[in-house]
């Protein structure tokens, strides 16, 4: 809901002036009596679309309740009190539609149909109205504003859902896992960007603190491409782990990524890298005191 100070700005964008509000209220004196017929014609129109079957055909009680809510909606429309409560009521409509995943096209089409229906009924109910064209224009302006507020709320909720899903996927795609006493492994797969590398650093440092790991193996064999910013972020991760007493080994450096890093002039400094995960495991095991025999036929032995 916009604060009171923003409402005049929104109304100005839609070119809604005090004269428009006066005309809408005057139109309401004619159209309030027409609202039952208007709503009935709306659902006659709605029955021709698959959304009616999806949402209402088998739910007569729901349909009756929605019609009552629609009646209330149009009464407040003609009250034209464009304050915080008016905007909150429209955002509530958007929230309900977002919850049921109502498609945008049917909502836009329904509001378009409603605007035309109300204008037609006004012209029939008050054929001698002096400023018929201006009043019709004022009605449509308010219908557009009403539609905008509802769709904006739907879009906001959808963005929140997408952001929450992205966050969940990001958390699932960063599994820093203990694979041996003192050794952590993180296989990175897919596209790596600055946001994901920041998440990698946060979770890696937290896991090092929890497990007191001495070696962190970062496997990038599943990463198709890398730019300078991401490469530098990975190097920062290795330096941060060193400050916590944990050595980082970057494994799975492909020829393509190696060439990219050289061409980009990325300074890897003292970062340990290997071309295969097996080589990284050997280095990691040695670092925690396990002899090479672990990977042979004689089994693991401590040095």
C-alpha atoms as a PDB file:
ATOM      1  CA  UNK A   1       0.000   0.000   0.000  1.00  0.00           C
ATOM      2  CA  UNK A   2       1.499   3.368  -0.960  1.00  0.00           C
ATOM      3  CA  UNK A   3       1.918   5.919   1.833  1.00  0.00           C
ATOM      4  CA  UNK A   4      -0.393   8.915   1.775  1.00  0.00           C
ATOM      5  CA  UNK A   5       2.403  11.111   0.339  1.00  0.00           C
ATOM      6  CA  UNK A   6       2.691   8.887  -2.769  1.00  0.00           C
ATOM      7  CA  UNK A   7      -1.006   8.723  -3.629  1.00  0.00           C
ATOM      8  CA  UNK A   8      -1.121  12.165  -5.351  1.00  0.00           C
ATOM      9  CA  UNK A   9       1.871  11.119  -7.470  1.00  0.00           C
ATOM     10  CA  UNK A  10       0.129   7.905  -8.564  1.00  0.00           C
ATOM     11  CA  UNK A  11      -3.098   9.748  -9.348  1.00  0.00           C
ATOM     12  CA  UNK A  12      -1.137  12.291 -11.384  1.00  0.00           C
ATOM     13  CA  UNK A  13       0.421   9.510 -13.457  1.00  0.00           C
ATOM     14  CA  UNK A  14      -3.036   8.273 -14.355  1.00  0.00           C
ATOM     15  CA  UNK A  15      -4.226  11.857 -14.925  1.00  0.00           C
ATOM     16  CA  UNK A  16      -6.932  11.462 -12.315  1.00  0.00           C
ATOM     17  CA  UNK A  17      -7.995  14.915 -11.167  1.00  0.00           C
ATOM     18  CA  UNK A  18     -10.650  16.085  -8.674  1.00  0.00           C
ATOM     19  CA  UNK A  19     -13.061  16.580 -11.571  1.00  0.00           C
ATOM     20  CA  UNK A  20     -12.671  12.904 -12.521  1.00  0.00           C
ATOM     21  CA  UNK A  21     -13.503  11.817  -8.985  1.00  0.00           C
ATOM     22  CA  UNK A  22     -16.576  14.063  -8.984  1.00  0.00           C
ATOM     23  CA  UNK A  23     -17.752  12.554 -12.287  1.00  0.00           C
ATOM     24  CA  UNK A  24     -17.219   8.966 -11.064  1.00  0.00           C
ATOM     25  CA  UNK A  25     -19.257   9.663  -7.944  1.00  0.00           C
ATOM     26  CA  UNK A  26     -22.013  11.220 -10.047  1.00  0.00           C
ATOM     27  CA  UNK A  27     -21.948   8.198 -12.364  1.00  0.00           C
ATOM     28  CA  UNK A  28     -22.324   6.007  -9.288  1.00  0.00           C
ATOM     29  CA  UNK A  29     -25.692   7.587  -8.559  1.00  0.00           C
ATOM     30  CA  UNK A  30     -26.900   6.123 -11.849  1.00  0.00           C
ATOM     31  CA  UNK A  31     -24.909   2.867 -11.894  1.00  0.00           C
ATOM     32  CA  UNK A  32     -25.257   1.530  -8.332  1.00  0.00           C
ATOM     33  CA  UNK A  33     -28.739   0.303  -9.181  1.00  0.00           C
ATOM     34  CA  UNK A  34     -27.280  -1.354 -12.287  1.00  0.00           C
ATOM     35  CA  UNK A  35     -24.586  -3.310 -10.426  1.00  0.00           C
ATOM     36  CA  UNK A  36     -26.589  -6.577 -10.001  1.00  0.00           C
ATOM     37  CA  UNK A  37     -27.285  -6.639 -13.749  1.00  0.00           C
ATOM     38  CA  UNK A  38     -23.694  -5.677 -14.506  1.00  0.00           C
ATOM     39  CA  UNK A  39     -22.307  -8.518 -12.380  1.00  0.00           C
ATOM     40  CA  UNK A  40     -24.776 -10.984 -13.901  1.00  0.00           C
ATOM     41  CA  UNK A  41     -23.663 -10.005 -17.412  1.00  0.00           C
ATOM     42  CA  UNK A  42     -20.040 -10.265 -16.315  1.00  0.00           C
ATOM     43  CA  UNK A  43     -20.482 -13.917 -15.355  1.00  0.00           C
ATOM     44  CA  UNK A  44     -22.430 -14.637 -18.529  1.00  0.00           C
ATOM     45  CA  UNK A  45     -19.302 -13.411 -20.311  1.00  0.00           C
ATOM     46  CA  UNK A  46     -17.077 -15.354 -17.937  1.00  0.00           C
ATOM     47  CA  UNK A  47     -18.910 -18.634 -18.639  1.00  0.00           C
ATOM     48  CA  UNK A  48     -17.553 -18.550 -22.185  1.00  0.00           C
ATOM     49  CA  UNK A  49     -13.991 -18.889 -20.903  1.00  0.00           C
ATOM     50  CA  UNK A  50     -12.223 -21.919 -19.466  1.00  0.00           C
ATOM     51  CA  UNK A  51     -11.348 -20.046 -16.250  1.00  0.00           C
ATOM     52  CA  UNK A  52     -15.024 -20.139 -15.257  1.00  0.00           C
ATOM     53  CA  UNK A  53     -15.008 -23.936 -15.360  1.00  0.00           C
ATOM     54  CA  UNK A  54     -11.682 -24.025 -13.534  1.00  0.00           C
ATOM     55  CA  UNK A  55     -12.693 -21.779 -10.649  1.00  0.00           C
ATOM     56  CA  UNK A  56     -16.491 -21.670 -10.380  1.00  0.00           C
ATOM     57  CA  UNK A  57     -18.362 -24.429 -12.252  1.00  0.00           C
ATOM     58  CA  UNK A  58     -18.220 -26.908  -9.358  1.00  0.00           C
ATOM     59  CA  UNK A  59     -18.144 -24.320  -6.566  1.00  0.00           C
ATOM     60  CA  UNK A  60     -21.500 -22.488  -6.398  1.00  0.00           C
ATOM     61  CA  UNK A  61     -20.873 -21.299  -2.833  1.00  0.00           C
ATOM     62  CA  UNK A  62     -17.574 -19.767  -3.860  1.00  0.00           C
ATOM     63  CA  UNK A  63     -19.213 -18.122  -6.858  1.00  0.00           C
ATOM     64  CA  UNK A  64     -21.879 -16.542  -4.643  1.00  0.00           C
ATOM     65  CA  UNK A  65     -19.244 -15.239  -2.238  1.00  0.00           C
ATOM     66  CA  UNK A  66     -17.155 -13.799  -5.076  1.00  0.00           C
ATOM     67  CA  UNK A  67     -20.194 -12.026  -6.499  1.00  0.00           C
ATOM     68  CA  UNK A  68     -20.834 -10.433  -3.093  1.00  0.00           C
ATOM     69  CA  UNK A  69     -17.213  -9.292  -2.932  1.00  0.00           C
ATOM     70  CA  UNK A  70     -17.486  -7.917  -6.455  1.00  0.00           C
ATOM     71  CA  UNK A  71     -20.574  -5.948  -5.493  1.00  0.00           C
ATOM     72  CA  UNK A  72     -18.711  -4.417  -2.557  1.00  0.00           C
ATOM     73  CA  UNK A  73     -15.734  -3.699  -4.797  1.00  0.00           C
ATOM     74  CA  UNK A  74     -17.802  -1.688  -7.279  1.00  0.00           C
ATOM     75  CA  UNK A  75     -19.554   0.247  -4.525  1.00  0.00           C
ATOM     76  CA  UNK A  76     -16.182   1.413  -3.173  1.00  0.00           C
ATOM     77  CA  UNK A  77     -15.173   2.121  -6.771  1.00  0.00           C
ATOM     78  CA  UNK A  78     -18.013   4.642  -7.077  1.00  0.00           C
ATOM     79  CA  UNK A  79     -17.302   6.057  -3.603  1.00  0.00           C
ATOM     80  CA  UNK A  80     -13.955   7.035  -5.172  1.00  0.00           C
ATOM     81  CA  UNK A  81     -12.266   7.626  -1.817  1.00  0.00           C
ATOM     82  CA  UNK A  82      -8.756   7.117  -3.194  1.00  0.00           C
ATOM     83  CA  UNK A  83      -6.972   6.812   0.130  1.00  0.00           C
ATOM     84  CA  UNK A  84      -4.833   4.133   1.791  1.00  0.00           C
ATOM     85  CA  UNK A  85      -7.881   1.956   2.467  1.00  0.00           C
ATOM     86  CA  UNK A  86      -8.883   2.046  -1.215  1.00  0.00           C
ATOM     87  CA  UNK A  87      -5.412   0.970  -2.321  1.00  0.00           C
ATOM     88  CA  UNK A  88      -5.280  -1.698   0.409  1.00  0.00           C
ATOM     89  CA  UNK A  89      -8.582  -3.157  -0.779  1.00  0.00           C
ATOM     90  CA  UNK A  90      -7.273  -3.415  -4.357  1.00  0.00           C
ATOM     91  CA  UNK A  91      -4.028  -4.994  -3.200  1.00  0.00           C
ATOM     92  CA  UNK A  92      -6.070  -7.558  -1.289  1.00  0.00           C
ATOM     93  CA  UNK A  93      -7.796  -8.455  -4.552  1.00  0.00           C
ATOM     94  CA  UNK A  94      -4.354  -8.882  -6.110  1.00  0.00           C
ATOM     95  CA  UNK A  95      -3.255 -11.088  -3.220  1.00  0.00           C
ATOM     96  CA  UNK A  96      -6.286 -13.359  -3.667  1.00  0.00           C
ATOM     97  CA  UNK A  97      -5.719 -13.618  -7.417  1.00  0.00           C
ATOM     98  CA  UNK A  98      -2.033 -14.374  -6.892  1.00  0.00           C
ATOM     99  CA  UNK A  99      -2.983 -17.133  -4.445  1.00  0.00           C
ATOM    100  CA  UNK A 100      -5.261 -18.842  -6.955  1.00  0.00           C
ATOM    101  CA  UNK A 101      -2.838 -18.151  -9.829  1.00  0.00           C
ATOM    102  CA  UNK A 102      -5.428 -16.339 -11.924  1.00  0.00           C
ATOM    103  CA  UNK A 103      -3.925 -15.684 -15.380  1.00  0.00           C
ATOM    104  CA  UNK A 104      -3.231 -12.044 -16.212  1.00  0.00           C
ATOM    105  CA  UNK A 105      -5.047 -12.214 -19.552  1.00  0.00           C
ATOM    106  CA  UNK A 106      -8.429 -13.141 -18.073  1.00  0.00           C
ATOM    107  CA  UNK A 107      -8.136 -10.441 -15.411  1.00  0.00           C
ATOM    108  CA  UNK A 108      -7.243  -7.738 -17.938  1.00  0.00           C
ATOM    109  CA  UNK A 109     -10.009  -8.954 -20.247  1.00  0.00           C
ATOM    110  CA  UNK A 110     -12.507  -8.968 -17.383  1.00  0.00           C
ATOM    111  CA  UNK A 111     -11.678  -5.419 -16.343  1.00  0.00           C
ATOM    112  CA  UNK A 112     -11.861  -4.282 -19.965  1.00  0.00           C
ATOM    113  CA  UNK A 113     -15.276  -5.889 -20.289  1.00  0.00           C
ATOM    114  CA  UNK A 114     -16.389  -4.301 -16.996  1.00  0.00           C
ATOM    115  CA  UNK A 115     -15.294  -0.844 -18.063  1.00  0.00           C
ATOM    116  CA  UNK A 116     -17.183  -1.099 -21.342  1.00  0.00           C
ATOM    117  CA  UNK A 117     -20.273  -2.519 -19.602  1.00  0.00           C
ATOM    118  CA  UNK A 118     -20.383   0.314 -17.069  1.00  0.00           C
ATOM    119  CA  UNK A 119     -19.949   3.003 -19.730  1.00  0.00           C
ATOM    120  CA  UNK A 120     -22.690   1.447 -21.890  1.00  0.00           C
ATOM    121  CA  UNK A 121     -25.049   1.262 -18.917  1.00  0.00           C
ATOM    122  CA  UNK A 122     -24.313   4.858 -18.003  1.00  0.00           C
ATOM    123  CA  UNK A 123     -25.150   6.057 -21.503  1.00  0.00           C
ATOM    124  CA  UNK A 124     -28.413   4.078 -21.499  1.00  0.00           C
ATOM    125  CA  UNK A 125     -29.331   5.068 -17.944  1.00  0.00           C
ATOM    126  CA  UNK A 126     -28.533   8.759 -18.358  1.00  0.00           C
ATOM    127  CA  UNK A 127     -28.822   9.513 -22.066  1.00  0.00           C
ATOM    128  CA  UNK A 128     -29.085  13.261 -21.436  1.00  0.00           C
ATOM    129  CA  UNK A 129     -25.984  13.524 -19.280  1.00  0.00           C
ATOM    130  CA  UNK A 130     -24.216  16.777 -20.222  1.00  0.00           C
ATOM    131  CA  UNK A 131     -20.621  15.580 -20.019  1.00  0.00           C
ATOM    132  CA  UNK A 132     -21.117  11.963 -21.111  1.00  0.00           C
ATOM    133  CA  UNK A 133     -17.754  11.652 -22.859  1.00  0.00           C
ATOM    134  CA  UNK A 134     -15.823  13.190 -19.959  1.00  0.00           C
ATOM    135  CA  UNK A 135     -17.629  10.960 -17.465  1.00  0.00           C
ATOM    136  CA  UNK A 136     -16.911   7.859 -19.549  1.00  0.00           C
ATOM    137  CA  UNK A 137     -13.250   8.908 -19.724  1.00  0.00           C
ATOM    138  CA  UNK A 138     -13.135   9.398 -15.947  1.00  0.00           C
ATOM    139  CA  UNK A 139     -14.642   5.946 -15.374  1.00  0.00           C
ATOM    140  CA  UNK A 140     -12.056   4.303 -17.628  1.00  0.00           C
ATOM    141  CA  UNK A 141      -9.200   6.149 -15.909  1.00  0.00           C
ATOM    142  CA  UNK A 142     -10.285   4.753 -12.566  1.00  0.00           C
ATOM    143  CA  UNK A 143     -10.754   1.270 -14.040  1.00  0.00           C
ATOM    144  CA  UNK A 144      -7.165   1.466 -15.335  1.00  0.00           C
ATOM    145  CA  UNK A 145      -5.880   2.541 -11.915  1.00  0.00           C
ATOM    146  CA  UNK A 146      -7.860  -0.220 -10.214  1.00  0.00           C
ATOM    147  CA  UNK A 147      -6.422  -2.790 -12.621  1.00  0.00           C
ATOM    148  CA  UNK A 148      -2.885  -1.483 -12.207  1.00  0.00           C
ATOM    149  CA  UNK A 149      -2.934  -1.747  -8.402  1.00  0.00           C
ATOM    150  CA  UNK A 150      -4.239  -5.323  -8.534  1.00  0.00           C
ATOM    151  CA  UNK A 151      -1.702  -6.451 -11.146  1.00  0.00           C
ATOM    152  CA  UNK A 152       1.146  -4.698  -9.321  1.00  0.00           C
ATOM    153  CA  UNK A 153       0.325  -6.656  -6.174  1.00  0.00           C
ATOM    154  CA  UNK A 154       0.154  -9.920  -8.123  1.00  0.00           C
ATOM    155  CA  UNK A 155       3.561  -9.164  -9.651  1.00  0.00           C
ATOM    156  CA  UNK A 156       5.049  -8.285  -6.250  1.00  0.00           C
ATOM    157  CA  UNK A 157       3.885 -11.581  -4.741  1.00  0.00           C
ATOM    158  CA  UNK A 158       5.145 -13.540  -7.749  1.00  0.00           C
ATOM    159  CA  UNK A 159       8.559 -11.871  -7.455  1.00  0.00           C
ATOM    160  CA  UNK A 160       8.692 -12.787  -3.772  1.00  0.00           C
ATOM    161  CA  UNK A 161       7.895 -16.405  -4.613  1.00  0.00           C
ATOM    162  CA  UNK A 162      10.579 -16.479  -7.313  1.00  0.00           C
ATOM    163  CA  UNK A 163      13.111 -14.925  -4.942  1.00  0.00           C
ATOM    164  CA  UNK A 164      12.261 -17.467  -2.237  1.00  0.00           C
ATOM    165  CA  UNK A 165      12.554 -20.336  -4.729  1.00  0.00           C
ATOM    166  CA  UNK A 166      15.870 -18.981  -5.994  1.00  0.00           C
ATOM    167  CA  UNK A 167      17.152 -18.744  -2.440  1.00  0.00           C
ATOM    168  CA  UNK A 168      16.116 -22.336  -1.757  1.00  0.00           C
ATOM    169  CA  UNK A 169      17.792 -23.543  -4.952  1.00  0.00           C
ATOM    170  CA  UNK A 170      20.907 -21.567  -4.072  1.00  0.00           C
ATOM    171  CA  UNK A 171      21.055 -23.196  -0.653  1.00  0.00           C
ATOM    172  CA  UNK A 172      20.539 -26.645  -2.170  1.00  0.00           C
ATOM    173  CA  UNK A 173      23.241 -25.999  -4.775  1.00  0.00           C
ATOM    174  CA  UNK A 174      25.882 -25.162  -2.156  1.00  0.00           C
ATOM    175  CA  UNK A 175      26.317 -28.420  -0.186  1.00  0.00           C
ATOM    176  CA  UNK A 176      29.562 -27.994   1.794  1.00  0.00           C
ATOM    177  CA  UNK A 177      30.002 -31.601   2.941  1.00  0.00           C
ATOM    178  CA  UNK A 178      32.538 -33.335   5.238  1.00  0.00           C
ATOM    179  CA  UNK A 179      34.066 -36.256   3.299  1.00  0.00           C
ATOM    180  CA  UNK A 180      36.794 -37.191   5.756  1.00  0.00           C
ATOM    181  CA  UNK A 181      37.864 -36.065   9.179  1.00  0.00           C
ATOM    182  CA  UNK A 182      39.213 -32.568   8.632  1.00  0.00           C
ATOM    183  CA  UNK A 183      38.219 -32.387   4.932  1.00  0.00           C
ATOM    184  CA  UNK A 184      35.293 -30.533   3.367  1.00  0.00           C
ATOM    185  CA  UNK A 185      34.103 -30.826  -0.236  1.00  0.00           C
ATOM    186  CA  UNK A 186      31.954 -28.501  -2.319  1.00  0.00           C
ATOM    187  CA  UNK A 187      31.177 -29.462  -5.940  1.00  0.00           C
ATOM    188  CA  UNK A 188      30.017 -26.438  -7.935  1.00  0.00           C
ATOM    189  CA  UNK A 189      27.749 -27.138 -10.888  1.00  0.00           C
ATOM    190  CA  UNK A 190      26.148 -24.842 -13.427  1.00  0.00           C
ATOM    191  CA  UNK A 191      26.419 -21.083 -13.719  1.00  0.00           C
ATOM    192  CA  UNK A 192      28.481 -19.257 -11.125  1.00  0.00           C
ATOM    193  CA  UNK A 193      27.870 -15.572 -10.453  1.00  0.00           C
ATOM    194  CA  UNK A 194      28.858 -13.083  -7.763  1.00  0.00           C
ATOM    195  CA  UNK A 195      25.795 -13.822  -5.627  1.00  0.00           C
ATOM    196  CA  UNK A 196      26.502 -17.535  -5.621  1.00  0.00           C
ATOM    197  CA  UNK A 197      30.213 -17.116  -4.837  1.00  0.00           C
ATOM    198  CA  UNK A 198      29.240 -14.885  -1.904  1.00  0.00           C
ATOM    199  CA  UNK A 199      26.962 -17.671  -0.667  1.00  0.00           C
ATOM    200  CA  UNK A 200      29.792 -20.180  -1.135  1.00  0.00           C
ATOM    201  CA  UNK A 201      32.126 -18.084   1.020  1.00  0.00           C
ATOM    202  CA  UNK A 202      29.570 -17.631   3.791  1.00  0.00           C
ATOM    203  CA  UNK A 203      28.636 -21.294   4.007  1.00  0.00           C
ATOM    204  CA  UNK A 204      32.219 -22.511   3.642  1.00  0.00           C
ATOM    205  CA  UNK A 205      33.528 -20.338   6.459  1.00  0.00           C
ATOM    206  CA  UNK A 206      30.597 -21.372   8.673  1.00  0.00           C
ATOM    207  CA  UNK A 207      31.267 -25.074   8.014  1.00  0.00           C
ATOM    208  CA  UNK A 208      34.987 -24.651   8.681  1.00  0.00           C
ATOM    209  CA  UNK A 209      34.144 -23.068  12.016  1.00  0.00           C
ATOM    210  CA  UNK A 210      31.701 -25.898  12.828  1.00  0.00           C
ATOM    211  CA  UNK A 211      33.918 -28.807  11.785  1.00  0.00           C
ATOM    212  CA  UNK A 212      37.389 -27.307  12.354  1.00  0.00           C
ATOM    213  CA  UNK A 213      38.320 -28.612   8.923  1.00  0.00           C
ATOM    214  CA  UNK A 214      41.907 -28.325   7.753  1.00  0.00           C
ATOM    215  CA  UNK A 215      41.317 -28.760   4.015  1.00  0.00           C
ATOM    216  CA  UNK A 216      38.552 -27.477   1.759  1.00  0.00           C
ATOM    217  CA  UNK A 217      38.236 -29.015  -1.709  1.00  0.00           C
ATOM    218  CA  UNK A 218      36.375 -26.780  -4.151  1.00  0.00           C
ATOM    219  CA  UNK A 219      35.529 -28.784  -7.262  1.00  0.00           C
ATOM    220  CA  UNK A 220      34.693 -26.659 -10.323  1.00  0.00           C
ATOM    221  CA  UNK A 221      34.648 -29.439 -12.902  1.00  0.00           C
ATOM    222  CA  UNK A 222      30.912 -28.820 -13.382  1.00  0.00           C
ATOM    223  CA  UNK A 223      31.382 -25.126 -14.136  1.00  0.00           C
ATOM    224  CA  UNK A 224      31.168 -24.389 -17.844  1.00  0.00           C
ATOM    225  CA  UNK A 225      32.527 -20.841 -17.866  1.00  0.00           C
ATOM    226  CA  UNK A 226      34.078 -18.283 -15.567  1.00  0.00           C
ATOM    227  CA  UNK A 227      34.754 -14.559 -15.778  1.00  0.00           C
ATOM    228  CA  UNK A 228      37.264 -12.361 -13.982  1.00  0.00           C
ATOM    229  CA  UNK A 229      34.906 -11.314 -11.198  1.00  0.00           C
ATOM    230  CA  UNK A 230      33.969 -14.891 -10.314  1.00  0.00           C
ATOM    231  CA  UNK A 231      37.593 -16.084 -10.529  1.00  0.00           C
ATOM    232  CA  UNK A 232      38.704 -13.323  -8.180  1.00  0.00           C
ATOM    233  CA  UNK A 233      35.880 -14.209  -5.793  1.00  0.00           C
ATOM    234  CA  UNK A 234      37.041 -17.830  -5.694  1.00  0.00           C
ATOM    235  CA  UNK A 235      40.558 -16.667  -4.918  1.00  0.00           C
ATOM    236  CA  UNK A 236      39.188 -14.532  -2.094  1.00  0.00           C
ATOM    237  CA  UNK A 237      37.471 -17.638  -0.741  1.00  0.00           C
ATOM    238  CA  UNK A 238      40.795 -19.475  -0.601  1.00  0.00           C
ATOM    239  CA  UNK A 239      42.408 -16.564   1.245  1.00  0.00           C
ATOM    240  CA  UNK A 240      39.520 -16.365   3.710  1.00  0.00           C
ATOM    241  CA  UNK A 241      39.766 -20.082   4.475  1.00  0.00           C
ATOM    242  CA  UNK A 242      43.515 -19.707   5.046  1.00  0.00           C
ATOM    243  CA  UNK A 243      42.830 -17.068   7.683  1.00  0.00           C
ATOM    244  CA  UNK A 244      40.771 -19.728   9.487  1.00  0.00           C
ATOM    245  CA  UNK A 245      43.592 -22.265   9.275  1.00  0.00           C
ATOM    246  CA  UNK A 246      42.086 -24.239   6.403  1.00  0.00           C
ATOM    247  CA  UNK A 247      43.803 -24.813   3.071  1.00  0.00           C
ATOM    248  CA  UNK A 248      41.695 -24.665  -0.093  1.00  0.00           C
ATOM    249  CA  UNK A 249      42.363 -26.854  -3.117  1.00  0.00           C
ATOM    250  CA  UNK A 250      40.526 -26.006  -6.324  1.00  0.00           C
ATOM    251  CA  UNK A 251      39.955 -29.138  -8.382  1.00  0.00           C
ATOM    252  CA  UNK A 252      38.527 -29.806 -11.807  1.00  0.00           C
ATOM    253  CA  UNK A 253      40.269 -26.927 -13.576  1.00  0.00           C
ATOM    254  CA  UNK A 254      39.479 -27.709 -17.203  1.00  0.00           C
ATOM    255  CA  UNK A 255      41.663 -26.642 -20.126  1.00  0.00           C
ATOM    256  CA  UNK A 256      39.016 -24.125 -21.143  1.00  0.00           C
ATOM    257  CA  UNK A 257      38.878 -22.508 -17.699  1.00  0.00           C
ATOM    258  CA  UNK A 258      42.686 -22.570 -17.426  1.00  0.00           C
ATOM    259  CA  UNK A 259      42.983 -20.722 -20.751  1.00  0.00           C
ATOM    260  CA  UNK A 260      40.293 -18.260 -19.675  1.00  0.00           C
ATOM    261  CA  UNK A 261      42.082 -17.471 -16.417  1.00  0.00           C
ATOM    262  CA  UNK A 262      45.370 -16.908 -18.261  1.00  0.00           C
ATOM    263  CA  UNK A 263      43.719 -14.732 -20.920  1.00  0.00           C
ATOM    264  CA  UNK A 264      41.944 -12.695 -18.256  1.00  0.00           C
ATOM    265  CA  UNK A 265      45.174 -12.220 -16.374  1.00  0.00           C
ATOM    266  CA  UNK A 266      43.793 -13.570 -13.128  1.00  0.00           C
ATOM    267  CA  UNK A 267      46.529 -13.891 -10.515  1.00  0.00           C
ATOM    268  CA  UNK A 268      45.940 -17.154  -8.683  1.00  0.00           C
ATOM    269  CA  UNK A 269      48.963 -16.559  -6.446  1.00  0.00           C
ATOM    270  CA  UNK A 270      49.586 -19.524  -4.134  1.00  0.00           C
ATOM    271  CA  UNK A 271      46.203 -21.190  -4.711  1.00  0.00           C
ATOM    272  CA  UNK A 272      46.587 -24.948  -5.126  1.00  0.00           C
ATOM    273  CA  UNK A 273      44.787 -26.326  -8.155  1.00  0.00           C
ATOM    274  CA  UNK A 274      44.402 -29.747  -9.729  1.00  0.00           C
ATOM    275  CA  UNK A 275      42.819 -30.990 -12.913  1.00  0.00           C
ATOM    276  CA  UNK A 276      40.960 -33.894 -11.273  1.00  0.00           C
ATOM    277  CA  UNK A 277      39.060 -34.496  -8.065  1.00  0.00           C
ATOM    278  CA  UNK A 278      41.166 -37.582  -7.382  1.00  0.00           C
ATOM    279  CA  UNK A 279      44.347 -35.498  -7.338  1.00  0.00           C
ATOM    280  CA  UNK A 280      42.723 -33.061  -4.939  1.00  0.00           C
ATOM    281  CA  UNK A 281      41.688 -35.907  -2.645  1.00  0.00           C
ATOM    282  CA  UNK A 282      45.252 -37.175  -2.533  1.00  0.00           C
ATOM    283  CA  UNK A 283      46.562 -33.733  -1.601  1.00  0.00           C
ATOM    284  CA  UNK A 284      43.831 -33.280   0.974  1.00  0.00           C
ATOM    285  CA  UNK A 285      44.425 -36.660   2.597  1.00  0.00           C
ATOM    286  CA  UNK A 286      48.132 -36.012   2.851  1.00  0.00           C
ATOM    287  CA  UNK A 287      47.429 -32.649   4.424  1.00  0.00           C
ATOM    288  CA  UNK A 288      45.448 -34.318   7.234  1.00  0.00           C
ATOM    289  CA  UNK A 289      48.008 -37.072   7.706  1.00  0.00           C
ATOM    290  CA  UNK A 290      46.589 -39.932   5.632  1.00  0.00           C
ATOM    291  CA  UNK A 291      49.111 -41.759   3.456  1.00  0.00           C
ATOM    292  CA  UNK A 292      48.643 -42.398  -0.287  1.00  0.00           C
ATOM    293  CA  UNK A 293      47.794 -46.028   0.489  1.00  0.00           C
ATOM    294  CA  UNK A 294      44.194 -44.934   1.034  1.00  0.00           C
ATOM    295  CA  UNK A 295      43.723 -44.835  -2.736  1.00  0.00           C
ATOM    296  CA  UNK A 296      45.602 -48.069  -3.423  1.00  0.00           C
ATOM    297  CA  UNK A 297      44.828 -51.647  -2.492  1.00  0.00           C
ATOM    298  CA  UNK A 298      46.226 -51.603   1.018  1.00  0.00           C
ATOM    299  CA  UNK A 299      43.582 -49.348   2.562  1.00  0.00           C
ATOM    300  CA  UNK A 300      44.024 -46.176   4.581  1.00  0.00           C
ATOM    301  CA  UNK A 301      46.903 -45.679   6.927  1.00  0.00           C
ATOM    302  CA  UNK A 302      47.838 -42.801   9.182  1.00  0.00           C
ATOM    303  CA  UNK A 303      51.333 -41.370   8.945  1.00  0.00           C
END
